[in-house]
Amino acid sequence: MNEKEHSHVTSFGYELLRDHVLTSILGKHEKDILYWAGKDLARKFPLYSLDEAITFFNEAGWGTLHLEKTTKDSAFYTLSTYNLPQSGQSRSHRLEAGFLAEQQQKITGFLTECYDEEVKKNGLVSLQIKWDSKTKG
């Protein structure tokens, strides 16, 4: 193998870290810690618009992000992930939710949260970003 092949993270390597190592280390606090880690990542990798999040998610190996609809105080996305856990297991997507919440908050200046829900029947993750246009973040 050449040096370039060694530097590429495999799907298996990603899955080991995401679904096994982090889960073991973070324990019952996994979802909370991943959400705040996502917010921290967003501060380190700021976007100028949420349209850039689609490219960021692809490059980070998080999956394909698709904007479904927006309202005056919400945005609805679906995420199809590349590395789904084995049957019967689930994966927290709080890292991605925290990342989107912080990016939206930085862009709009309003207090923002993001909620994730795995849709079992089709393997997609539903992400709802909700902001309070009356509260500065």
C-alpha atoms as a PDB file:
ATOM      1  CA  MET A   1       0.000   0.000   0.000  1.00  0.00           C
ATOM      2  CA  ASN A   2       1.144   3.490  -0.697  1.00  0.00           C
ATOM      3  CA  GLU A   3       1.028   6.421   1.745  1.00  0.00           C
ATOM      4  CA  LYS A   4      -2.250   7.783   0.343  1.00  0.00           C
ATOM      5  CA  GLU A   5      -4.026   4.466   0.912  1.00  0.00           C
ATOM      6  CA  HIS A   6      -2.807   4.421   4.523  1.00  0.00           C
ATOM      7  CA  SER A   7      -4.126   7.924   5.195  1.00  0.00           C
ATOM      8  CA  HIS A   8      -7.708   7.081   4.130  1.00  0.00           C
ATOM      9  CA  VAL A   9      -9.997   6.072   7.012  1.00  0.00           C
ATOM     10  CA  THR A  10     -12.034   3.009   6.149  1.00  0.00           C
ATOM     11  CA  SER A  11     -15.723   2.588   6.855  1.00  0.00           C
ATOM     12  CA  PHE A  12     -14.838  -0.180   9.269  1.00  0.00           C
ATOM     13  CA  GLY A  13     -12.412   2.064  11.149  1.00  0.00           C
ATOM     14  CA  TYR A  14     -14.999   4.820  11.374  1.00  0.00           C
ATOM     15  CA  GLU A  15     -17.627   2.360  12.616  1.00  0.00           C
ATOM     16  CA  LEU A  16     -15.289   0.998  15.287  1.00  0.00           C
ATOM     17  CA  LEU A  17     -14.655   4.458  16.690  1.00  0.00           C
ATOM     18  CA  ARG A  18     -18.186   5.817  16.352  1.00  0.00           C
ATOM     19  CA  ASP A  19     -20.251   2.828  17.445  1.00  0.00           C
ATOM     20  CA  HIS A  20     -17.959   1.035  19.883  1.00  0.00           C
ATOM     21  CA  VAL A  21     -15.103   3.125  21.279  1.00  0.00           C
ATOM     22  CA  LEU A  22     -17.067   6.340  21.878  1.00  0.00           C
ATOM     23  CA  THR A  23     -20.027   4.425  23.285  1.00  0.00           C
ATOM     24  CA  SER A  24     -17.758   2.625  25.756  1.00  0.00           C
ATOM     25  CA  ILE A  25     -15.904   5.749  26.829  1.00  0.00           C
ATOM     26  CA  LEU A  26     -18.880   8.094  27.111  1.00  0.00           C
ATOM     27  CA  GLY A  27     -21.333   5.620  28.630  1.00  0.00           C
ATOM     28  CA  LYS A  28     -24.693   6.986  29.725  1.00  0.00           C
ATOM     29  CA  HIS A  29     -23.589  10.550  28.912  1.00  0.00           C
ATOM     30  CA  GLU A  30     -22.859   9.750  25.258  1.00  0.00           C
ATOM     31  CA  LYS A  31     -25.750  11.706  23.729  1.00  0.00           C
ATOM     32  CA  ASP A  32     -25.164  14.862  25.772  1.00  0.00           C
ATOM     33  CA  ILE A  33     -21.410  14.848  25.217  1.00  0.00           C
ATOM     34  CA  LEU A  34     -21.738  14.206  21.483  1.00  0.00           C
ATOM     35  CA  TYR A  35     -24.206  17.097  21.135  1.00  0.00           C
ATOM     36  CA  TRP A  36     -21.797  19.520  22.830  1.00  0.00           C
ATOM     37  CA  ALA A  37     -18.879  18.079  20.851  1.00  0.00           C
ATOM     38  CA  GLY A  38     -20.848  18.798  17.657  1.00  0.00           C
ATOM     39  CA  LYS A  39     -21.365  22.389  18.794  1.00  0.00           C
ATOM     40  CA  ASP A  40     -17.633  22.665  19.509  1.00  0.00           C
ATOM     41  CA  LEU A  41     -16.796  21.289  16.047  1.00  0.00           C
ATOM     42  CA  ALA A  42     -19.079  23.902  14.491  1.00  0.00           C
ATOM     43  CA  ARG A  43     -17.134  26.660  16.249  1.00  0.00           C
ATOM     44  CA  LYS A  44     -13.864  25.221  14.925  1.00  0.00           C
ATOM     45  CA  PHE A  45     -15.224  24.720  11.390  1.00  0.00           C
ATOM     46  CA  PRO A  46     -17.613  27.645  10.844  1.00  0.00           C
ATOM     47  CA  LEU A  47     -19.886  27.709   7.809  1.00  0.00           C
ATOM     48  CA  TYR A  48     -21.225  30.843   6.152  1.00  0.00           C
ATOM     49  CA  SER A  49     -24.561  29.262   5.257  1.00  0.00           C
ATOM     50  CA  LEU A  50     -26.309  26.011   6.060  1.00  0.00           C
ATOM     51  CA  ASP A  51     -26.048  25.111   2.364  1.00  0.00           C
ATOM     52  CA  GLU A  52     -22.367  24.405   3.072  1.00  0.00           C
ATOM     53  CA  ALA A  53     -23.373  21.789   5.654  1.00  0.00           C
ATOM     54  CA  ILE A  54     -24.305  19.385   2.859  1.00  0.00           C
ATOM     55  CA  THR A  55     -20.738  19.380   1.549  1.00  0.00           C
ATOM     56  CA  PHE A  56     -19.278  19.307   5.067  1.00  0.00           C
ATOM     57  CA  PHE A  57     -21.326  16.216   5.991  1.00  0.00           C
ATOM     58  CA  ASN A  58     -20.158  14.400   2.847  1.00  0.00           C
ATOM     59  CA  GLU A  59     -16.508  15.288   3.424  1.00  0.00           C
ATOM     60  CA  ALA A  60     -16.696  14.349   7.122  1.00  0.00           C
ATOM     61  CA  GLY A  61     -18.162  10.953   6.218  1.00  0.00           C
ATOM     62  CA  TRP A  62     -21.328  11.685   8.202  1.00  0.00           C
ATOM     63  CA  GLY A  63     -23.624  10.963   5.269  1.00  0.00           C
ATOM     64  CA  THR A  64     -25.795  12.730   2.735  1.00  0.00           C
ATOM     65  CA  LEU A  65     -27.727  15.661   4.165  1.00  0.00           C
ATOM     66  CA  HIS A  66     -30.856  16.814   2.362  1.00  0.00           C
ATOM     67  CA  LEU A  67     -32.981  19.873   3.165  1.00  0.00           C
ATOM     68  CA  GLU A  68     -36.646  18.856   3.166  1.00  0.00           C
ATOM     69  CA  LYS A  69     -38.327  22.144   4.073  1.00  0.00           C
ATOM     70  CA  THR A  70     -37.984  25.354   6.053  1.00  0.00           C
ATOM     71  CA  THR A  71     -40.461  27.426   8.016  1.00  0.00           C
ATOM     72  CA  LYS A  72     -40.089  30.787   9.742  1.00  0.00           C
ATOM     73  CA  ASP A  73     -38.432  29.167  12.785  1.00  0.00           C
ATOM     74  CA  SER A  74     -37.410  25.648  11.688  1.00  0.00           C
ATOM     75  CA  ALA A  75     -35.513  23.680   9.086  1.00  0.00           C
ATOM     76  CA  PHE A  76     -36.102  19.989   8.436  1.00  0.00           C
ATOM     77  CA  TYR A  77     -33.325  17.762   7.070  1.00  0.00           C
ATOM     78  CA  THR A  78     -32.917  14.080   6.359  1.00  0.00           C
ATOM     79  CA  LEU A  79     -29.589  12.365   6.711  1.00  0.00           C
ATOM     80  CA  SER A  80     -28.714   9.084   5.054  1.00  0.00           C
ATOM     81  CA  THR A  81     -25.606   7.674   6.645  1.00  0.00           C
ATOM     82  CA  TYR A  82     -22.942   5.641   4.928  1.00  0.00           C
ATOM     83  CA  ASN A  83     -22.106   3.343   7.808  1.00  0.00           C
ATOM     84  CA  LEU A  84     -25.282   2.112   9.443  1.00  0.00           C
ATOM     85  CA  PRO A  85     -24.847  -0.034  12.561  1.00  0.00           C
ATOM     86  CA  GLN A  86     -25.641  -3.712  12.339  1.00  0.00           C
ATOM     87  CA  SER A  87     -29.232  -4.843  12.656  1.00  0.00           C
ATOM     88  CA  GLY A  88     -30.705  -4.272  16.095  1.00  0.00           C
ATOM     89  CA  GLN A  89     -28.221  -1.526  16.992  1.00  0.00           C
ATOM     90  CA  SER A  90     -28.757   2.184  16.800  1.00  0.00           C
ATOM     91  CA  ARG A  91     -26.370   5.094  16.511  1.00  0.00           C
ATOM     92  CA  SER A  92     -26.628   8.434  18.193  1.00  0.00           C
ATOM     93  CA  HIS A  93     -26.676  11.340  15.743  1.00  0.00           C
ATOM     94  CA  ARG A  94     -26.301  13.944  18.461  1.00  0.00           C
ATOM     95  CA  LEU A  95     -22.884  14.980  17.091  1.00  0.00           C
ATOM     96  CA  GLU A  96     -24.478  15.985  13.799  1.00  0.00           C
ATOM     97  CA  ALA A  97     -27.420  17.628  15.598  1.00  0.00           C
ATOM     98  CA  GLY A  98     -25.124  19.734  17.771  1.00  0.00           C
ATOM     99  CA  PHE A  99     -23.081  20.738  14.738  1.00  0.00           C
ATOM    100  CA  LEU A 100     -26.168  21.929  12.834  1.00  0.00           C
ATOM    101  CA  ALA A 101     -27.610  23.737  15.868  1.00  0.00           C
ATOM    102  CA  GLU A 102     -24.430  25.712  16.464  1.00  0.00           C
ATOM    103  CA  GLN A 103     -23.989  26.578  12.777  1.00  0.00           C
ATOM    104  CA  GLN A 104     -27.574  27.866  12.556  1.00  0.00           C
ATOM    105  CA  GLN A 105     -27.172  29.824  15.796  1.00  0.00           C
ATOM    106  CA  LYS A 106     -23.959  31.425  14.533  1.00  0.00           C
ATOM    107  CA  ILE A 107     -25.519  32.316  11.185  1.00  0.00           C
ATOM    108  CA  THR A 108     -28.807  33.752  12.495  1.00  0.00           C
ATOM    109  CA  GLY A 109     -27.775  34.933  15.954  1.00  0.00           C
ATOM    110  CA  PHE A 110     -30.849  33.280  17.508  1.00  0.00           C
ATOM    111  CA  LEU A 111     -30.899  30.593  20.188  1.00  0.00           C
ATOM    112  CA  THR A 112     -31.082  27.269  18.310  1.00  0.00           C
ATOM    113  CA  GLU A 113     -31.525  23.576  19.094  1.00  0.00           C
ATOM    114  CA  CYS A 114     -31.542  20.531  16.847  1.00  0.00           C
ATOM    115  CA  TYR A 115     -33.466  17.311  17.416  1.00  0.00           C
ATOM    116  CA  ASP A 116     -32.598  14.011  15.778  1.00  0.00           C
ATOM    117  CA  GLU A 117     -34.728  10.958  15.238  1.00  0.00           C
ATOM    118  CA  GLU A 118     -33.734   7.766  13.494  1.00  0.00           C
ATOM    119  CA  VAL A 119     -36.440   6.575  11.110  1.00  0.00           C
ATOM    120  CA  LYS A 120     -36.192   2.796  11.441  1.00  0.00           C
ATOM    121  CA  LYS A 121     -38.147   1.823   8.326  1.00  0.00           C
ATOM    122  CA  ASN A 122     -35.827   3.471   5.801  1.00  0.00           C
ATOM    123  CA  GLY A 123     -32.561   3.964   7.671  1.00  0.00           C
ATOM    124  CA  LEU A 124     -32.734   7.758   7.486  1.00  0.00           C
ATOM    125  CA  VAL A 125     -32.222  10.228  10.294  1.00  0.00           C
ATOM    126  CA  SER A 126     -34.625  13.129  10.635  1.00  0.00           C
ATOM    127  CA  LEU A 127     -33.035  16.355  11.908  1.00  0.00           C
ATOM    128  CA  GLN A 128     -35.138  19.346  12.934  1.00  0.00           C
ATOM    129  CA  ILE A 129     -33.370  22.624  13.608  1.00  0.00           C
ATOM    130  CA  LYS A 130     -35.527  24.999  15.621  1.00  0.00           C
ATOM    131  CA  TRP A 131     -34.642  28.562  16.566  1.00  0.00           C
ATOM    132  CA  ASP A 132     -36.273  31.204  18.732  1.00  0.00           C
ATOM    133  CA  SER A 133     -36.331  34.465  16.783  1.00  0.00           C
ATOM    134  CA  LYS A 134     -37.070  36.340  20.024  1.00  0.00           C
ATOM    135  CA  THR A 135     -33.988  35.103  21.894  1.00  0.00           C
ATOM    136  CA  LYS A 136     -30.461  36.039  20.896  1.00  0.00           C
ATOM    137  CA  GLY A 137     -28.006  33.158  21.153  1.00  0.00           C
END
